[in-house]
Amino acid sequence: MSADSSAPVRRREPGAAEFRAMQKDPEFLDLKKTFRGFAFPMSIAFFLWYMFYVLLAVYAKDWMGTPVFGNVNWGVIMGLLQFVTTFAITWIYVNFANKKIEPKAAAIRERMEG
């Protein structure tokens, strides 16, 4: 009798000791370093950009209210750029994660669940 090829693959569940050991593994530490090397600078950059926008709204009201065309002023444009920046960061992160993070995470997951 042949094995059913559509049957789900059973993976073993790693225990607490294995997870603790993995936290010290060089491969896992490299994964954390890769993630943090992207996430922290990008988060700081976006926070500074956002704070710049907020500070302009508070202290440069006249400039933010200056019409650019029709009823659209600098405040509206910069507010919309906050959304554009958010989507751009998401797109950049997804590409970064697919290329740099996911292969490392998959290798660790395979080793843990084997």
PDB file of N, CA and C in Angstrom:
ATOM      1  N   MET A   1       0.841  -1.166   0.000  1.00  0.00           N
ATOM      2  CA  MET A   1       0.000   0.000   0.000  1.00  0.00           C
ATOM      3  C   MET A   1       0.895   1.241   0.000  1.00  0.00           C
ATOM      4  N   SER A   2       0.582   2.236  -0.835  1.00  0.00           N
ATOM      5  CA  SER A   2       1.407   3.442  -0.934  1.00  0.00           C
ATOM      6  C   SER A   2       0.882   4.508   0.018  1.00  0.00           C
ATOM      7  N   ALA A   3       1.795   5.356   0.435  1.00  0.00           N
ATOM      8  CA  ALA A   3       1.423   6.446   1.345  1.00  0.00           C
ATOM      9  C   ALA A   3       0.648   7.505   0.574  1.00  0.00           C
ATOM     10  N   ASP A   4      -0.310   8.098   1.231  1.00  0.00           N
ATOM     11  CA  ASP A   4      -1.107   9.159   0.619  1.00  0.00           C
ATOM     12  C   ASP A   4      -0.252  10.416   0.525  1.00  0.00           C
ATOM     13  N   SER A   5       0.028  10.880  -0.710  1.00  0.00           N
ATOM     14  CA  SER A   5       0.898  12.042  -0.899  1.00  0.00           C
ATOM     15  C   SER A   5       0.213  13.341  -0.507  1.00  0.00           C
ATOM     16  N   SER A   6      -1.106  13.323  -0.329  1.00  0.00           N
ATOM     17  CA  SER A   6      -1.806  14.549   0.050  1.00  0.00           C
ATOM     18  C   SER A   6      -1.919  14.699   1.569  1.00  0.00           C
ATOM     19  N   ALA A   7      -1.433  13.706   2.310  1.00  0.00           N
ATOM     20  CA  ALA A   7      -1.498  13.787   3.771  1.00  0.00           C
ATOM     21  C   ALA A   7      -0.550  14.873   4.261  1.00  0.00           C
ATOM     22  N   PRO A   8      -0.974  15.626   5.259  1.00  0.00           N
ATOM     23  CA  PRO A   8      -0.114  16.692   5.777  1.00  0.00           C
ATOM     24  C   PRO A   8       1.147  16.115   6.422  1.00  0.00           C
ATOM     25  N   VAL A   9       2.226  16.861   6.284  1.00  0.00           N
ATOM     26  CA  VAL A   9       3.488  16.453   6.888  1.00  0.00           C
ATOM     27  C   VAL A   9       3.424  16.767   8.371  1.00  0.00           C
ATOM     28  N   ARG A  10       3.729  15.795   9.185  1.00  0.00           N
ATOM     29  CA  ARG A  10       3.708  16.002  10.631  1.00  0.00           C
ATOM     30  C   ARG A  10       5.067  16.508  11.071  1.00  0.00           C
ATOM     31  N   ARG A  11       5.050  17.618  11.722  1.00  0.00           N
ATOM     32  CA  ARG A  11       6.290  18.199  12.248  1.00  0.00           C
ATOM     33  C   ARG A  11       6.290  18.020  13.752  1.00  0.00           C
ATOM     34  N   ARG A  12       7.466  17.847  14.281  1.00  0.00           N
ATOM     35  CA  ARG A  12       7.534  17.709  15.738  1.00  0.00           C
ATOM     36  C   ARG A  12       7.513  19.099  16.366  1.00  0.00           C
ATOM     37  N   GLU A  13       6.967  19.164  17.533  1.00  0.00           N
ATOM     38  CA  GLU A  13       6.895  20.427  18.259  1.00  0.00           C
ATOM     39  C   GLU A  13       8.145  20.576  19.116  1.00  0.00           C
ATOM     40  N   PRO A  14       8.931  21.629  18.898  1.00  0.00           N
ATOM     41  CA  PRO A  14      10.111  21.839  19.736  1.00  0.00           C
ATOM     42  C   PRO A  14       9.693  22.177  21.171  1.00  0.00           C
ATOM     43  N   GLY A  15      10.521  21.767  22.102  1.00  0.00           N
ATOM     44  CA  GLY A  15      10.234  22.022  23.510  1.00  0.00           C
ATOM     45  C   GLY A  15      10.841  23.332  23.982  1.00  0.00           C
ATOM     46  N   ALA A  16      10.539  23.669  25.220  1.00  0.00           N
ATOM     47  CA  ALA A  16      11.022  24.919  25.810  1.00  0.00           C
ATOM     48  C   ALA A  16      12.544  24.965  25.840  1.00  0.00           C
ATOM     49  N   ALA A  17      13.170  23.847  26.135  1.00  0.00           N
ATOM     50  CA  ALA A  17      14.637  23.809  26.191  1.00  0.00           C
ATOM     51  C   ALA A  17      15.237  24.111  24.820  1.00  0.00           C
ATOM     52  N   GLU A  18      14.603  23.618  23.774  1.00  0.00           N
ATOM     53  CA  GLU A  18      15.095  23.885  22.414  1.00  0.00           C
ATOM     54  C   GLU A  18      14.943  25.366  22.058  1.00  0.00           C
ATOM     55  N   PHE A  19      13.857  25.975  22.469  1.00  0.00           N
ATOM     56  CA  PHE A  19      13.667  27.403  22.207  1.00  0.00           C
ATOM     57  C   PHE A  19      14.694  28.241  22.968  1.00  0.00           C
ATOM     58  N   ARG A  20      14.966  27.869  24.220  1.00  0.00           N
ATOM     59  CA  ARG A  20      15.981  28.596  24.985  1.00  0.00           C
ATOM     60  C   ARG A  20      17.354  28.445  24.342  1.00  0.00           C
ATOM     61  N   ALA A  21      17.662  27.245  23.887  1.00  0.00           N
ATOM     62  CA  ALA A  21      18.955  27.017  23.230  1.00  0.00           C
ATOM     63  C   ALA A  21      19.040  27.811  21.925  1.00  0.00           C
ATOM     64  N   MET A  22      17.938  27.907  21.201  1.00  0.00           N
ATOM     65  CA  MET A  22      17.935  28.617  19.924  1.00  0.00           C
ATOM     66  C   MET A  22      18.209  30.108  20.127  1.00  0.00           C
ATOM     67  N   GLN A  23      17.816  30.659  21.256  1.00  0.00           N
ATOM     68  CA  GLN A  23      18.033  32.086  21.514  1.00  0.00           C
ATOM     69  C   GLN A  23      19.513  32.441  21.552  1.00  0.00           C
ATOM     70  N   LYS A  24      20.364  31.459  21.785  1.00  0.00           N
ATOM     71  CA  LYS A  24      21.817  31.698  21.835  1.00  0.00           C
ATOM     72  C   LYS A  24      22.515  31.242  20.561  1.00  0.00           C
ATOM     73  N   ASP A  25      21.766  30.652  19.646  1.00  0.00           N
ATOM     74  CA  ASP A  25      22.340  30.128  18.407  1.00  0.00           C
ATOM     75  C   ASP A  25      22.807  31.269  17.503  1.00  0.00           C
ATOM     76  N   PRO A  26      24.015  31.178  16.930  1.00  0.00           N
ATOM     77  CA  PRO A  26      24.517  32.252  16.056  1.00  0.00           C
ATOM     78  C   PRO A  26      23.604  32.547  14.863  1.00  0.00           C
ATOM     79  N   GLU A  27      22.967  31.528  14.333  1.00  0.00           N
ATOM     80  CA  GLU A  27      22.066  31.729  13.193  1.00  0.00           C
ATOM     81  C   GLU A  27      20.849  32.572  13.601  1.00  0.00           C
ATOM     82  N   PHE A  28      20.312  32.297  14.789  1.00  0.00           N
ATOM     83  CA  PHE A  28      19.178  33.069  15.291  1.00  0.00           C
ATOM     84  C   PHE A  28      19.601  34.495  15.635  1.00  0.00           C
ATOM     85  N   LEU A  29      20.773  34.640  16.240  1.00  0.00           N
ATOM     86  CA  LEU A  29      21.280  35.972  16.571  1.00  0.00           C
ATOM     87  C   LEU A  29      21.498  36.800  15.306  1.00  0.00           C
ATOM     88  N   ASP A  30      21.945  36.151  14.233  1.00  0.00           N
ATOM     89  CA  ASP A  30      22.108  36.849  12.956  1.00  0.00           C
ATOM     90  C   ASP A  30      20.754  37.282  12.396  1.00  0.00           C
ATOM     91  N   LEU A  31      19.743  36.436  12.542  1.00  0.00           N
ATOM     92  CA  LEU A  31      18.383  36.784  12.100  1.00  0.00           C
ATOM     93  C   LEU A  31      17.884  38.013  12.863  1.00  0.00           C
ATOM     94  N   LYS A  32      18.068  38.030  14.179  1.00  0.00           N
ATOM     95  CA  LYS A  32      17.648  39.180  14.979  1.00  0.00           C
ATOM     96  C   LYS A  32      18.400  40.436  14.563  1.00  0.00           C
ATOM     97  N   LYS A  33      19.692  40.301  14.322  1.00  0.00           N
ATOM     98  CA  LYS A  33      20.505  41.447  13.914  1.00  0.00           C
ATOM     99  C   LYS A  33      20.032  41.986  12.566  1.00  0.00           C
ATOM    100  N   THR A  34      19.710  41.097  11.642  1.00  0.00           N
ATOM    101  CA  THR A  34      19.221  41.507  10.328  1.00  0.00           C
ATOM    102  C   THR A  34      17.903  42.261  10.456  1.00  0.00           C
ATOM    103  N   PHE A  35      16.982  41.712  11.244  1.00  0.00           N
ATOM    104  CA  PHE A  35      15.688  42.373  11.432  1.00  0.00           C
ATOM    105  C   PHE A  35      15.858  43.736  12.093  1.00  0.00           C
ATOM    106  N   ARG A  36      16.613  43.764  13.177  1.00  0.00           N
ATOM    107  CA  ARG A  36      16.793  45.022  13.903  1.00  0.00           C
ATOM    108  C   ARG A  36      17.534  46.055  13.069  1.00  0.00           C
ATOM    109  N   GLY A  37      18.457  45.589  12.220  1.00  0.00           N
ATOM    110  CA  GLY A  37      19.205  46.501  11.361  1.00  0.00           C
ATOM    111  C   GLY A  37      18.308  47.232  10.375  1.00  0.00           C
ATOM    112  N   PHE A  38      17.172  46.654  10.074  1.00  0.00           N
ATOM    113  CA  PHE A  38      16.197  47.313   9.204  1.00  0.00           C
ATOM    114  C   PHE A  38      15.147  48.053  10.034  1.00  0.00           C
ATOM    115  N   ALA A  39      14.556  47.359  10.994  1.00  0.00           N
ATOM    116  CA  ALA A  39      13.390  47.884  11.701  1.00  0.00           C
ATOM    117  C   ALA A  39      13.696  49.127  12.534  1.00  0.00           C
ATOM    118  N   PHE A  40      14.782  49.108  13.273  1.00  0.00           N
ATOM    119  CA  PHE A  40      15.064  50.250  14.147  1.00  0.00           C
ATOM    120  C   PHE A  40      15.358  51.523  13.349  1.00  0.00           C
ATOM    121  N   PRO A  41      16.290  51.507  12.395  1.00  0.00           N
ATOM    122  CA  PRO A  41      16.532  52.749  11.637  1.00  0.00           C
ATOM    123  C   PRO A  41      15.298  53.234  10.872  1.00  0.00           C
ATOM    124  N   MET A  42      14.538  52.303  10.287  1.00  0.00           N
ATOM    125  CA  MET A  42      13.348  52.698   9.534  1.00  0.00           C
ATOM    126  C   MET A  42      12.301  53.294  10.470  1.00  0.00           C
ATOM    127  N   SER A  43      12.138  52.715  11.645  1.00  0.00           N
ATOM    128  CA  SER A  43      11.176  53.248  12.616  1.00  0.00           C
ATOM    129  C   SER A  43      11.585  54.642  13.081  1.00  0.00           C
ATOM    130  N   ILE A  44      12.857  54.813  13.359  1.00  0.00           N
ATOM    131  CA  ILE A  44      13.353  56.124  13.792  1.00  0.00           C
ATOM    132  C   ILE A  44      13.160  57.160  12.680  1.00  0.00           C
ATOM    133  N   ALA A  45      13.496  56.778  11.455  1.00  0.00           N
ATOM    134  CA  ALA A  45      13.346  57.707  10.328  1.00  0.00           C
ATOM    135  C   ALA A  45      11.881  58.108  10.151  1.00  0.00           C
ATOM    136  N   PHE A  46      10.972  57.141  10.223  1.00  0.00           N
ATOM    137  CA  PHE A  46       9.565  57.486  10.052  1.00  0.00           C
ATOM    138  C   PHE A  46       9.066  58.343  11.211  1.00  0.00           C
ATOM    139  N   PHE A  47       9.491  58.038  12.431  1.00  0.00           N
ATOM    140  CA  PHE A  47       9.080  58.830  13.593  1.00  0.00           C
ATOM    141  C   PHE A  47       9.552  60.279  13.451  1.00  0.00           C
ATOM    142  N   LEU A  48      10.795  60.465  13.008  1.00  0.00           N
ATOM    143  CA  LEU A  48      11.313  61.822  12.816  1.00  0.00           C
ATOM    144  C   LEU A  48      10.546  62.561  11.726  1.00  0.00           C
ATOM    145  N   TRP A  49      10.217  61.874  10.648  1.00  0.00           N
ATOM    146  CA  TRP A  49       9.426  62.464   9.569  1.00  0.00           C
ATOM    147  C   TRP A  49       8.044  62.860  10.086  1.00  0.00           C
ATOM    148  N   TYR A  50       7.428  61.986  10.875  1.00  0.00           N
ATOM    149  CA  TYR A  50       6.115  62.275  11.435  1.00  0.00           C
ATOM    150  C   TYR A  50       6.183  63.472  12.389  1.00  0.00           C
ATOM    151  N   MET A  51       7.203  63.481  13.264  1.00  0.00           N
ATOM    152  CA  MET A  51       7.347  64.590  14.207  1.00  0.00           C
ATOM    153  C   MET A  51       7.605  65.908  13.472  1.00  0.00           C
ATOM    154  N   PHE A  52       8.362  65.868  12.389  1.00  0.00           N
ATOM    155  CA  PHE A  52       8.582  67.045  11.560  1.00  0.00           C
ATOM    156  C   PHE A  52       7.243  67.589  11.061  1.00  0.00           C
ATOM    157  N   TYR A  53       6.391  66.696  10.594  1.00  0.00           N
ATOM    158  CA  TYR A  53       5.058  67.071  10.115  1.00  0.00           C
ATOM    159  C   TYR A  53       4.227  67.701  11.240  1.00  0.00           C
ATOM    160  N   VAL A  54       4.237  67.067  12.408  1.00  0.00           N
ATOM    161  CA  VAL A  54       3.461  67.581  13.542  1.00  0.00           C
ATOM    162  C   VAL A  54       3.992  68.948  13.978  1.00  0.00           C
ATOM    163  N   LEU A  55       5.308  69.079  14.076  1.00  0.00           N
ATOM    164  CA  LEU A  55       5.894  70.351  14.487  1.00  0.00           C
ATOM    165  C   LEU A  55       5.601  71.458  13.481  1.00  0.00           C
ATOM    166  N   LEU A  56       5.627  71.125  12.194  1.00  0.00           N
ATOM    167  CA  LEU A  56       5.248  72.122  11.191  1.00  0.00           C
ATOM    168  C   LEU A  56       3.791  72.551  11.371  1.00  0.00           C
ATOM    169  N   ALA A  57       2.929  71.574  11.657  1.00  0.00           N
ATOM    170  CA  ALA A  57       1.509  71.884  11.847  1.00  0.00           C
ATOM    171  C   ALA A  57       1.296  72.793  13.058  1.00  0.00           C
ATOM    172  N   VAL A  58       2.141  72.640  14.075  1.00  0.00           N
ATOM    173  CA  VAL A  58       1.999  73.437  15.291  1.00  0.00           C
ATOM    174  C   VAL A  58       2.670  74.804  15.158  1.00  0.00           C
ATOM    175  N   TYR A  59       3.906  74.816  14.634  1.00  0.00           N
ATOM    176  CA  TYR A  59       4.699  76.045  14.655  1.00  0.00           C
ATOM    177  C   TYR A  59       4.789  76.782  13.319  1.00  0.00           C
ATOM    178  N   ALA A  60       4.387  76.168  12.247  1.00  0.00           N
ATOM    179  CA  ALA A  60       4.452  76.832  10.934  1.00  0.00           C
ATOM    180  C   ALA A  60       3.067  76.815  10.291  1.00  0.00           C
ATOM    181  N   LYS A  61       2.077  77.250  11.054  1.00  0.00           N
ATOM    182  CA  LYS A  61       0.692  77.216  10.580  1.00  0.00           C
ATOM    183  C   LYS A  61       0.502  78.016   9.290  1.00  0.00           C
ATOM    184  N   ASP A  62       1.146  79.161   9.226  1.00  0.00           N
ATOM    185  CA  ASP A  62       0.987  79.996   8.030  1.00  0.00           C
ATOM    186  C   ASP A  62       1.528  79.282   6.786  1.00  0.00           C
ATOM    187  N   TRP A  63       2.699  78.687   6.928  1.00  0.00           N
ATOM    188  CA  TRP A  63       3.274  77.982   5.783  1.00  0.00           C
ATOM    189  C   TRP A  63       2.434  76.757   5.417  1.00  0.00           C
ATOM    190  N   MET A  64       1.996  76.003   6.417  1.00  0.00           N
ATOM    191  CA  MET A  64       1.189  74.804   6.149  1.00  0.00           C
ATOM    192  C   MET A  64      -0.142  75.182   5.500  1.00  0.00           C
ATOM    193  N   GLY A  65      -0.644  76.377   5.793  1.00  0.00           N
ATOM    194  CA  GLY A  65      -1.900  76.823   5.209  1.00  0.00           C
ATOM    195  C   GLY A  65      -1.755  77.511   3.867  1.00  0.00           C
ATOM    196  N   THR A  66      -0.517  77.621   3.377  1.00  0.00           N
ATOM    197  CA  THR A  66      -0.287  78.277   2.092  1.00  0.00           C
ATOM    198  C   THR A  66      -0.839  77.417   0.954  1.00  0.00           C
ATOM    199  N   PRO A  67      -1.743  77.979   0.151  1.00  0.00           N
ATOM    200  CA  PRO A  67      -2.297  77.196  -0.968  1.00  0.00           C
ATOM    201  C   PRO A  67      -1.216  76.876  -2.004  1.00  0.00           C
ATOM    202  N   VAL A  68      -1.266  75.645  -2.495  1.00  0.00           N
ATOM    203  CA  VAL A  68      -0.338  75.220  -3.548  1.00  0.00           C
ATOM    204  C   VAL A  68      -1.074  75.278  -4.877  1.00  0.00           C
ATOM    205  N   PHE A  69      -2.275  74.712  -4.907  1.00  0.00           N
ATOM    206  CA  PHE A  69      -3.163  74.837  -6.064  1.00  0.00           C
ATOM    207  C   PHE A  69      -4.593  74.636  -5.580  1.00  0.00           C
ATOM    208  N   GLY A  70      -5.470  75.486  -6.013  1.00  0.00           N
ATOM    209  CA  GLY A  70      -6.877  75.410  -5.593  1.00  0.00           C
ATOM    210  C   GLY A  70      -6.981  75.492  -4.073  1.00  0.00           C
ATOM    211  N   ASN A  71      -7.752  74.576  -3.495  1.00  0.00           N
ATOM    212  CA  ASN A  71      -7.919  74.523  -2.042  1.00  0.00           C
ATOM    213  C   ASN A  71      -6.911  73.597  -1.368  1.00  0.00           C
ATOM    214  N   VAL A  72      -5.929  73.127  -2.104  1.00  0.00           N
ATOM    215  CA  VAL A  72      -4.928  72.209  -1.554  1.00  0.00           C
ATOM    216  C   VAL A  72      -3.735  73.014  -1.056  1.00  0.00           C
ATOM    217  N   ASN A  73      -3.444  72.852   0.236  1.00  0.00           N
ATOM    218  CA  ASN A  73      -2.314  73.583   0.813  1.00  0.00           C
ATOM    219  C   ASN A  73      -1.196  72.613   1.199  1.00  0.00           C
ATOM    220  N   TRP A  74      -0.094  73.171   1.730  1.00  0.00           N
ATOM    221  CA  TRP A  74       1.054  72.330   2.101  1.00  0.00           C
ATOM    222  C   TRP A  74       0.697  71.331   3.191  1.00  0.00           C
ATOM    223  N   GLY A  75      -0.189  71.688   4.090  1.00  0.00           N
ATOM    224  CA  GLY A  75      -0.606  70.773   5.152  1.00  0.00           C
ATOM    225  C   GLY A  75      -1.266  69.520   4.599  1.00  0.00           C
ATOM    226  N   VAL A  76      -2.148  69.703   3.628  1.00  0.00           N
ATOM    227  CA  VAL A  76      -2.814  68.556   3.003  1.00  0.00           C
ATOM    228  C   VAL A  76      -1.800  67.689   2.261  1.00  0.00           C
ATOM    229  N   ILE A  77      -0.906  68.327   1.520  1.00  0.00           N
ATOM    230  CA  ILE A  77       0.102  67.576   0.758  1.00  0.00           C
ATOM    231  C   ILE A  77       0.992  66.772   1.702  1.00  0.00           C
ATOM    232  N   MET A  78       1.468  67.420   2.756  1.00  0.00           N
ATOM    233  CA  MET A  78       2.344  66.700   3.689  1.00  0.00           C
ATOM    234  C   MET A  78       1.585  65.614   4.446  1.00  0.00           C
ATOM    235  N   GLY A  79       0.320  65.844   4.737  1.00  0.00           N
ATOM    236  CA  GLY A  79      -0.493  64.809   5.376  1.00  0.00           C
ATOM    237  C   GLY A  79      -0.653  63.599   4.472  1.00  0.00           C
ATOM    238  N   LEU A  80      -0.907  63.847   3.189  1.00  0.00           N
ATOM    239  CA  LEU A  80      -1.019  62.731   2.241  1.00  0.00           C
ATOM    240  C   LEU A  80       0.318  62.012   2.065  1.00  0.00           C
ATOM    241  N   LEU A  81       1.410  62.770   2.148  1.00  0.00           N
ATOM    242  CA  LEU A  81       2.735  62.144   2.053  1.00  0.00           C
ATOM    243  C   LEU A  81       3.005  61.202   3.225  1.00  0.00           C
ATOM    244  N   GLN A  82       2.361  61.446   4.373  1.00  0.00           N
ATOM    245  CA  GLN A  82       2.484  60.508   5.492  1.00  0.00           C
ATOM    246  C   GLN A  82       1.927  59.137   5.095  1.00  0.00           C
ATOM    247  N   PHE A  83       0.798  59.135   4.394  1.00  0.00           N
ATOM    248  CA  PHE A  83       0.226  57.871   3.923  1.00  0.00           C
ATOM    249  C   PHE A  83       1.122  57.217   2.878  1.00  0.00           C
ATOM    250  N   VAL A  84       1.612  58.017   1.958  1.00  0.00           N
ATOM    251  CA  VAL A  84       2.500  57.492   0.913  1.00  0.00           C
ATOM    252  C   VAL A  84       3.741  56.868   1.546  1.00  0.00           C
ATOM    253  N   THR A  85       4.304  57.561   2.534  1.00  0.00           N
ATOM    254  CA  THR A  85       5.486  57.045   3.221  1.00  0.00           C
ATOM    255  C   THR A  85       5.182  55.727   3.921  1.00  0.00           C
ATOM    256  N   THR A  86       4.033  55.633   4.562  1.00  0.00           N
ATOM    257  CA  THR A  86       3.650  54.400   5.255  1.00  0.00           C
ATOM    258  C   THR A  86       3.561  53.235   4.278  1.00  0.00           C
ATOM    259  N   PHE A  87       2.910  53.440   3.138  1.00  0.00           N
ATOM    260  CA  PHE A  87       2.808  52.369   2.145  1.00  0.00           C
ATOM    261  C   PHE A  87       4.176  52.027   1.549  1.00  0.00           C
ATOM    262  N   ALA A  88       5.007  53.039   1.346  1.00  0.00           N
ATOM    263  CA  ALA A  88       6.348  52.796   0.801  1.00  0.00           C
ATOM    264  C   ALA A  88       7.187  51.979   1.777  1.00  0.00           C
ATOM    265  N   ILE A  89       7.134  52.319   3.050  1.00  0.00           N
ATOM    266  CA  ILE A  89       7.887  51.561   4.051  1.00  0.00           C
ATOM    267  C   ILE A  89       7.391  50.121   4.109  1.00  0.00           C
ATOM    268  N   THR A  90       6.094  49.934   4.035  1.00  0.00           N
ATOM    269  CA  THR A  90       5.541  48.576   4.037  1.00  0.00           C
ATOM    270  C   THR A  90       6.047  47.791   2.840  1.00  0.00           C
ATOM    271  N   TRP A  91       6.025  48.379   1.667  1.00  0.00           N
ATOM    272  CA  TRP A  91       6.498  47.710   0.451  1.00  0.00           C
ATOM    273  C   TRP A  91       7.992  47.384   0.558  1.00  0.00           C
ATOM    274  N   ILE A  92       8.767  48.338   1.048  1.00  0.00           N
ATOM    275  CA  ILE A  92      10.211  48.121   1.212  1.00  0.00           C
ATOM    276  C   ILE A  92      10.458  46.995   2.206  1.00  0.00           C
ATOM    277  N   TYR A  93       9.709  46.987   3.317  1.00  0.00           N
ATOM    278  CA  TYR A  93       9.899  45.947   4.321  1.00  0.00           C
ATOM    279  C   TYR A  93       9.529  44.568   3.776  1.00  0.00           C
ATOM    280  N   VAL A  94       8.440  44.461   3.064  1.00  0.00           N
ATOM    281  CA  VAL A  94       8.035  43.166   2.511  1.00  0.00           C
ATOM    282  C   VAL A  94       9.123  42.628   1.586  1.00  0.00           C
ATOM    283  N   ASN A  95       9.661  43.471   0.732  1.00  0.00           N
ATOM    284  CA  ASN A  95      10.747  43.030  -0.151  1.00  0.00           C
ATOM    285  C   ASN A  95      11.988  42.645   0.642  1.00  0.00           C
ATOM    286  N   PHE A  96      12.342  43.448   1.632  1.00  0.00           N
ATOM    287  CA  PHE A  96      13.500  43.150   2.472  1.00  0.00           C
ATOM    288  C   PHE A  96      13.298  41.827   3.209  1.00  0.00           C
ATOM    289  N   ALA A  97      12.117  41.657   3.797  1.00  0.00           N
ATOM    290  CA  ALA A  97      11.833  40.437   4.556  1.00  0.00           C
ATOM    291  C   ALA A  97      11.872  39.209   3.660  1.00  0.00           C
ATOM    292  N   ASN A  98      11.312  39.311   2.473  1.00  0.00           N
ATOM    293  CA  ASN A  98      11.313  38.161   1.556  1.00  0.00           C
ATOM    294  C   ASN A  98      12.722  37.762   1.143  1.00  0.00           C
ATOM    295  N   LYS A  99      13.608  38.738   1.004  1.00  0.00           N
ATOM    296  CA  LYS A  99      14.971  38.450   0.551  1.00  0.00           C
ATOM    297  C   LYS A  99      15.925  38.113   1.689  1.00  0.00           C
ATOM    298  N   LYS A 100      15.804  38.800   2.817  1.00  0.00           N
ATOM    299  CA  LYS A 100      16.811  38.692   3.873  1.00  0.00           C
ATOM    300  C   LYS A 100      16.341  37.951   5.123  1.00  0.00           C
ATOM    301  N   ILE A 101      15.090  38.120   5.494  1.00  0.00           N
ATOM    302  CA  ILE A 101      14.626  37.562   6.762  1.00  0.00           C
ATOM    303  C   ILE A 101      14.012  36.175   6.580  1.00  0.00           C
ATOM    304  N   GLU A 102      13.115  36.041   5.632  1.00  0.00           N
ATOM    305  CA  GLU A 102      12.393  34.780   5.484  1.00  0.00           C
ATOM    306  C   GLU A 102      13.298  33.582   5.204  1.00  0.00           C
ATOM    307  N   PRO A 103      14.324  33.684   4.343  1.00  0.00           N
ATOM    308  CA  PRO A 103      15.191  32.515   4.145  1.00  0.00           C
ATOM    309  C   PRO A 103      15.887  32.073   5.442  1.00  0.00           C
ATOM    310  N   LYS A 104      16.321  33.028   6.244  1.00  0.00           N
ATOM    311  CA  LYS A 104      16.968  32.686   7.521  1.00  0.00           C
ATOM    312  C   LYS A 104      15.961  32.090   8.491  1.00  0.00           C
ATOM    313  N   ALA A 105      14.773  32.678   8.556  1.00  0.00           N
ATOM    314  CA  ALA A 105      13.737  32.163   9.454  1.00  0.00           C
ATOM    315  C   ALA A 105      13.291  30.770   9.036  1.00  0.00           C
ATOM    316  N   ALA A 106      13.185  30.530   7.727  1.00  0.00           N
ATOM    317  CA  ALA A 106      12.775  29.215   7.239  1.00  0.00           C
ATOM    318  C   ALA A 106      13.814  28.151   7.596  1.00  0.00           C
ATOM    319  N   ALA A 107      15.086  28.506   7.496  1.00  0.00           N
ATOM    320  CA  ALA A 107      16.141  27.554   7.837  1.00  0.00           C
ATOM    321  C   ALA A 107      16.090  27.213   9.322  1.00  0.00           C
ATOM    322  N   ILE A 108      15.867  28.206  10.150  1.00  0.00           N
ATOM    323  CA  ILE A 108      15.759  27.959  11.590  1.00  0.00           C
ATOM    324  C   ILE A 108      14.527  27.129  11.902  1.00  0.00           C
ATOM    325  N   ARG A 109      13.402  27.478  11.288  1.00  0.00           N
ATOM    326  CA  ARG A 109      12.163  26.736  11.500  1.00  0.00           C
ATOM    327  C   ARG A 109      12.321  25.276  11.093  1.00  0.00           C
ATOM    328  N   GLU A 110      12.969  25.043   9.963  1.00  0.00           N
ATOM    329  CA  GLU A 110      13.183  23.671   9.473  1.00  0.00           C
ATOM    330  C   GLU A 110      14.048  22.891  10.456  1.00  0.00           C
ATOM    331  N   ARG A 111      15.078  23.557  10.959  1.00  0.00           N
ATOM    332  CA  ARG A 111      15.962  22.895  11.916  1.00  0.00           C
ATOM    333  C   ARG A 111      15.232  22.592  13.227  1.00  0.00           C
ATOM    334  N   MET A 112      14.378  23.502  13.648  1.00  0.00           N
ATOM    335  CA  MET A 112      13.652  23.307  14.917  1.00  0.00           C
ATOM    336  C   MET A 112      12.562  22.245  14.798  1.00  0.00           C
ATOM    337  N   GLU A 113      11.849  22.264  13.666  1.00  0.00           N
ATOM    338  CA  GLU A 113      10.709  21.352  13.522  1.00  0.00           C
ATOM    339  C   GLU A 113      11.069  20.070  12.775  1.00  0.00           C
ATOM    340  N   GLY A 114      12.127  20.145  11.977  1.00  0.00           N
ATOM    341  CA  GLY A 114      12.685  19.048  11.227  1.00  0.00           C
ATOM    342  C   GLY A 114      11.798  17.997  10.834  1.00  0.00           C
TER     343      GLY A 114
END
